[in-house]
Amino acid sequence: HMSKPTATPPVTTTANKADEGWRAETKRRLLGKTVNQQIAFSQQMLPSATGKFSSLLTEIIVACKIIRDKITLAGIAEVLGSTGEENVQGETVKVLDELANTIFTTRLLQSGYVCMVVSEENEEPLYPEKELEGGKYVVSTDPCDGSSNVACNVPVGTIFGIWERVSPRSGPANINDALQSGRKMLCGGYVLYGPSSMLVYTTGSGVHGFTYDPSIGEFILTHESMMLPSFSKCYSVNEAYWHYWSEEVKKYVEWIKTPNEEGHRPYTGRYVGSLVSDVHRNLLYGGIYFYPIDSRSHQGKLRLLYECAPLSYIIEQAGGMGSTGKINILDIEPTDIHQRVPLYIGNKSDVKAAEEFLAGTRT
């Protein structure tokens, strides 16, 4: 009598694992929600929606896809380097800055959806042709944030904010359309051009992240309802400026570095110097980014309308906050389109602690 041979368990090989991974990836691509589907879904939730806002957002995404391609080929296409001119901020204009700005602003101004575009690269607001001046929205943008880092392959990004105009649509827009607080923002977003490109935006009901799939040319939803972790891991600041800081800022940084088990400190220092990169990392891992007032820049360095406000809107929707160290970034009524402010942005508890140190109520 012969016993039945026992079944040999299937051997898991590297090839099998790779095959399974490929199947899972294919399924994700086939079933993954694209950003356009997400926008359409959000539009359906609003019976009063006309589709103009959705179309504007789509235009911005297309512009960012084009910018992404230019950045990917930057070294080969010889768009690195400087034009020799300075922008309104007194910074040498990188060729890529100018290219990204042209792509972004030209596309939006010809769309019919905007009455004005405010860009870091242009001293004055940009307006569409007369036949398109009835556009409903104002867009602010830093088209290529961190562009000085492109030559060494450090991620850069596009930041944007969208507001509804306040002037009558029967005529051209005016400066008051641009000078609105972050509380009135309809959408804040950024695209990070890194090892993979990622679009992160909010329209006031949560933050969603989409990763670009170059094989199909679409941003796919990969990070739904993003929230900052409960505890911070990182702090991001340029400590080379230590000697220019106030004693209050120095005390705050010392507090961050002082071991405290309950407070999960010390935090790890992580500073890329590309605002979008630093804020994005802290959104995923928890942390605070700050660029304080110092003895050389009494107003702060970063710009309110197209850097601080859109990013603060995103971070607040993800459970954090943005502050000047005294007041919430979103509560500021702008007085100038290129207005500079100090910025403390990230986990709410860290930003609140910074405010207390700066006010002298915590030492």
Foldseek 3Di string as FASTA:
>chain_A
DDDDDDDDPDDDDPVNVVVVVVVVVVVCVVPFDFVLNVLVVVQVVDPPDPCLVSVLVVLQVVLVLVLLVCLVCCVVVVQADFPQDAAPLRHTHGSSQVVLVCSRVVSNLPPLQALWEAESRHQDIDGHPFVSNLHFKYKYKSRWFPSVCSVVQDKTKIWMWMATADDHSVGHGDPLRQQAFLVRIQKIWMWINHPWIKIWMDRQQAIWIFTADVVVRTTTTDGGRQAQDPAAAEEEDDCVCVVFADPLVVVLLVVCADDDVVRPDVHHYDYPPGLVVVLVVCSVHNYKYWFAQTNVRNATRQFLRHRQSSSQSNNVSNQAFKDLLAGGSRPDRDDHRRGHGIIITTHHVSSVVSNCSVVVVHD
